[in-house]
Amino acid sequence: MQPIPETSTTFSNAQLLLLKAFSSNLTEEELLHLQHAYAQILGRRVIVGANEVWDEKGWTTDTM
């Protein structure tokens, strides 16, 4: 049997904010809005990361 991994009790600033803000249940519509907002945040991170790689490599539209 594998040992149970220790869990961290330290929350990130985002986790703390969400725990405080959403200490009560959300409606289905509110939950969908939250999911959409989170997807937008992650999407922006991906685009920024891809742009950084694009610039570092010196790629152009002709490269692709």
N, C-alpha and C. Protein backbone atom coordinates (compact mmCIF):
# COMPACT_ATOMS: atom_id res chain seq x y z
N MET A 1 0.84 -1.17 0.00
CA MET A 1 0.00 0.00 0.00
C MET A 1 0.89 1.24 0.00
N GLN A 2 0.55 2.20 -0.87
CA GLN A 2 1.31 3.43 -0.96
C GLN A 2 0.89 4.38 0.15
N PRO A 3 1.87 5.14 0.68
CA PRO A 3 1.50 6.10 1.73
C PRO A 3 0.65 7.22 1.16
N ILE A 4 -0.19 7.76 1.97
CA ILE A 4 -1.04 8.88 1.56
C ILE A 4 -0.18 10.14 1.52
N PRO A 5 -0.17 10.84 0.38
CA PRO A 5 0.65 12.05 0.30
C PRO A 5 0.12 13.13 1.22
N GLU A 6 1.06 13.91 1.76
CA GLU A 6 0.65 15.02 2.61
C GLU A 6 -0.01 16.09 1.75
N THR A 7 -0.99 16.76 2.30
CA THR A 7 -1.65 17.83 1.58
C THR A 7 -1.21 19.16 2.15
N SER A 8 -1.20 20.14 1.31
CA SER A 8 -0.82 21.48 1.74
C SER A 8 -2.02 22.19 2.33
N THR A 9 -1.81 22.89 3.42
CA THR A 9 -2.89 23.67 4.01
C THR A 9 -2.74 25.14 3.65
N THR A 10 -1.77 25.44 2.82
CA THR A 10 -1.57 26.82 2.39
C THR A 10 -2.33 27.05 1.09
N PHE A 11 -3.17 28.06 1.09
CA PHE A 11 -3.94 28.38 -0.09
C PHE A 11 -3.29 29.55 -0.83
N SER A 12 -3.45 29.56 -2.14
CA SER A 12 -2.97 30.69 -2.93
C SER A 12 -3.88 31.88 -2.71
N ASN A 13 -3.44 33.04 -3.15
CA ASN A 13 -4.26 34.24 -3.00
C ASN A 13 -5.58 34.10 -3.75
N ALA A 14 -5.56 33.44 -4.91
CA ALA A 14 -6.79 33.24 -5.68
C ALA A 14 -7.73 32.28 -4.96
N GLN A 15 -7.19 31.23 -4.37
CA GLN A 15 -8.03 30.28 -3.65
C GLN A 15 -8.71 30.96 -2.45
N LEU A 16 -7.94 31.76 -1.72
CA LEU A 16 -8.52 32.46 -0.57
C LEU A 16 -9.63 33.41 -1.00
N LEU A 17 -9.40 34.13 -2.08
CA LEU A 17 -10.41 35.05 -2.58
C LEU A 17 -11.68 34.31 -2.96
N LEU A 18 -11.53 33.21 -3.67
CA LEU A 18 -12.70 32.44 -4.10
C LEU A 18 -13.43 31.81 -2.91
N LEU A 19 -12.69 31.33 -1.94
CA LEU A 19 -13.33 30.75 -0.76
C LEU A 19 -14.17 31.79 -0.03
N LYS A 20 -13.63 33.00 0.08
CA LYS A 20 -14.37 34.07 0.75
C LYS A 20 -15.57 34.51 -0.08
N ALA A 21 -15.35 34.70 -1.37
CA ALA A 21 -16.40 35.24 -2.24
C ALA A 21 -17.54 34.25 -2.43
N PHE A 22 -17.24 33.00 -2.43
CA PHE A 22 -18.26 32.00 -2.76
C PHE A 22 -18.52 31.05 -1.60
N SER A 23 -18.63 31.63 -0.41
CA SER A 23 -18.89 30.80 0.76
C SER A 23 -20.33 30.27 0.77
N SER A 24 -21.17 30.81 -0.09
CA SER A 24 -22.53 30.29 -0.24
C SER A 24 -22.68 29.72 -1.65
N ASN A 25 -23.72 28.92 -1.84
CA ASN A 25 -23.92 28.29 -3.14
C ASN A 25 -24.26 29.32 -4.21
N LEU A 26 -23.75 29.09 -5.40
CA LEU A 26 -24.05 29.93 -6.55
C LEU A 26 -25.24 29.35 -7.30
N THR A 27 -25.93 30.22 -8.02
CA THR A 27 -26.97 29.72 -8.91
C THR A 27 -26.26 29.06 -10.10
N GLU A 28 -27.00 28.31 -10.88
CA GLU A 28 -26.41 27.67 -12.06
C GLU A 28 -25.87 28.73 -13.02
N GLU A 29 -26.60 29.83 -13.17
CA GLU A 29 -26.16 30.90 -14.07
C GLU A 29 -24.87 31.54 -13.56
N GLU A 30 -24.80 31.79 -12.26
CA GLU A 30 -23.58 32.37 -11.68
C GLU A 30 -22.40 31.42 -11.84
N LEU A 31 -22.63 30.14 -11.65
CA LEU A 31 -21.57 29.15 -11.81
C LEU A 31 -21.05 29.12 -13.25
N LEU A 32 -21.97 29.21 -14.21
CA LEU A 32 -21.56 29.25 -15.61
C LEU A 32 -20.73 30.50 -15.91
N HIS A 33 -21.12 31.64 -15.34
CA HIS A 33 -20.35 32.88 -15.53
C HIS A 33 -18.95 32.73 -14.92
N LEU A 34 -18.86 32.12 -13.77
CA LEU A 34 -17.57 31.90 -13.13
C LEU A 34 -16.69 30.98 -13.97
N GLN A 35 -17.26 29.93 -14.48
CA GLN A 35 -16.51 29.00 -15.33
C GLN A 35 -16.02 29.71 -16.59
N HIS A 36 -16.85 30.54 -17.16
CA HIS A 36 -16.48 31.29 -18.36
C HIS A 36 -15.33 32.25 -18.07
N ALA A 37 -15.43 32.96 -16.95
CA ALA A 37 -14.37 33.90 -16.57
C ALA A 37 -13.06 33.17 -16.36
N TYR A 38 -13.10 32.03 -15.70
CA TYR A 38 -11.88 31.24 -15.47
C TYR A 38 -11.29 30.74 -16.78
N ALA A 39 -12.13 30.31 -17.69
CA ALA A 39 -11.65 29.86 -19.00
C ALA A 39 -10.98 31.01 -19.74
N GLN A 40 -11.52 32.22 -19.62
CA GLN A 40 -10.89 33.38 -20.26
C GLN A 40 -9.52 33.67 -19.67
N ILE A 41 -9.39 33.56 -18.36
CA ILE A 41 -8.10 33.78 -17.71
C ILE A 41 -7.07 32.77 -18.22
N LEU A 42 -7.45 31.51 -18.25
CA LEU A 42 -6.53 30.47 -18.73
C LEU A 42 -6.20 30.68 -20.20
N GLY A 43 -7.19 31.06 -20.99
CA GLY A 43 -6.96 31.31 -22.41
C GLY A 43 -5.95 32.42 -22.63
N ARG A 44 -6.07 33.50 -21.84
CA ARG A 44 -5.11 34.61 -21.96
C ARG A 44 -3.71 34.15 -21.61
N ARG A 45 -3.59 33.31 -20.58
CA ARG A 45 -2.26 32.79 -20.20
C ARG A 45 -1.64 31.99 -21.34
N VAL A 46 -2.44 31.18 -21.98
CA VAL A 46 -1.95 30.36 -23.10
C VAL A 46 -1.50 31.26 -24.25
N ILE A 47 -2.28 32.27 -24.58
CA ILE A 47 -1.94 33.17 -25.68
C ILE A 47 -0.66 33.93 -25.38
N VAL A 48 -0.54 34.44 -24.15
CA VAL A 48 0.67 35.17 -23.77
C VAL A 48 1.89 34.24 -23.85
N GLY A 49 1.76 33.03 -23.36
CA GLY A 49 2.86 32.07 -23.43
C GLY A 49 3.24 31.73 -24.85
N ALA A 50 2.25 31.52 -25.70
CA ALA A 50 2.52 31.21 -27.10
C ALA A 50 3.19 32.39 -27.80
N ASN A 51 2.74 33.60 -27.50
CA ASN A 51 3.36 34.78 -28.10
C ASN A 51 4.81 34.93 -27.67
N GLU A 52 5.10 34.61 -26.40
CA GLU A 52 6.49 34.68 -25.93
C GLU A 52 7.38 33.70 -26.68
N VAL A 53 6.90 32.49 -26.85
CA VAL A 53 7.67 31.48 -27.60
C VAL A 53 7.84 31.93 -29.04
N TRP A 54 6.78 32.42 -29.64
CA TRP A 54 6.80 32.91 -31.02
C TRP A 54 7.90 33.96 -31.18
N ASP A 55 7.94 34.92 -30.25
CA ASP A 55 8.93 35.99 -30.31
C ASP A 55 10.35 35.47 -30.06
N GLU A 56 10.50 34.58 -29.08
CA GLU A 56 11.82 34.02 -28.76
C GLU A 56 12.40 33.26 -29.95
N LYS A 57 11.55 32.55 -30.67
CA LYS A 57 11.99 31.75 -31.81
C LYS A 57 12.15 32.58 -33.08
N GLY A 58 11.63 33.80 -33.04
CA GLY A 58 11.70 34.65 -34.22
C GLY A 58 10.80 34.17 -35.35
N TRP A 59 9.72 33.51 -35.01
CA TRP A 59 8.81 32.97 -36.01
C TRP A 59 8.03 34.10 -36.70
N THR A 60 7.64 33.83 -37.92
CA THR A 60 6.79 34.74 -38.69
C THR A 60 5.62 33.94 -39.24
N THR A 61 4.70 34.62 -39.89
CA THR A 61 3.61 33.89 -40.53
C THR A 61 4.12 32.99 -41.64
N ASP A 62 5.23 33.37 -42.27
CA ASP A 62 5.83 32.52 -43.29
C ASP A 62 6.40 31.24 -42.68
N THR A 63 6.91 31.33 -41.44
CA THR A 63 7.46 30.15 -40.76
C THR A 63 6.37 29.11 -40.57
N MET A 64 5.20 29.58 -40.25
CA MET A 64 4.11 28.64 -39.99
C MET A 64 3.52 28.17 -41.29
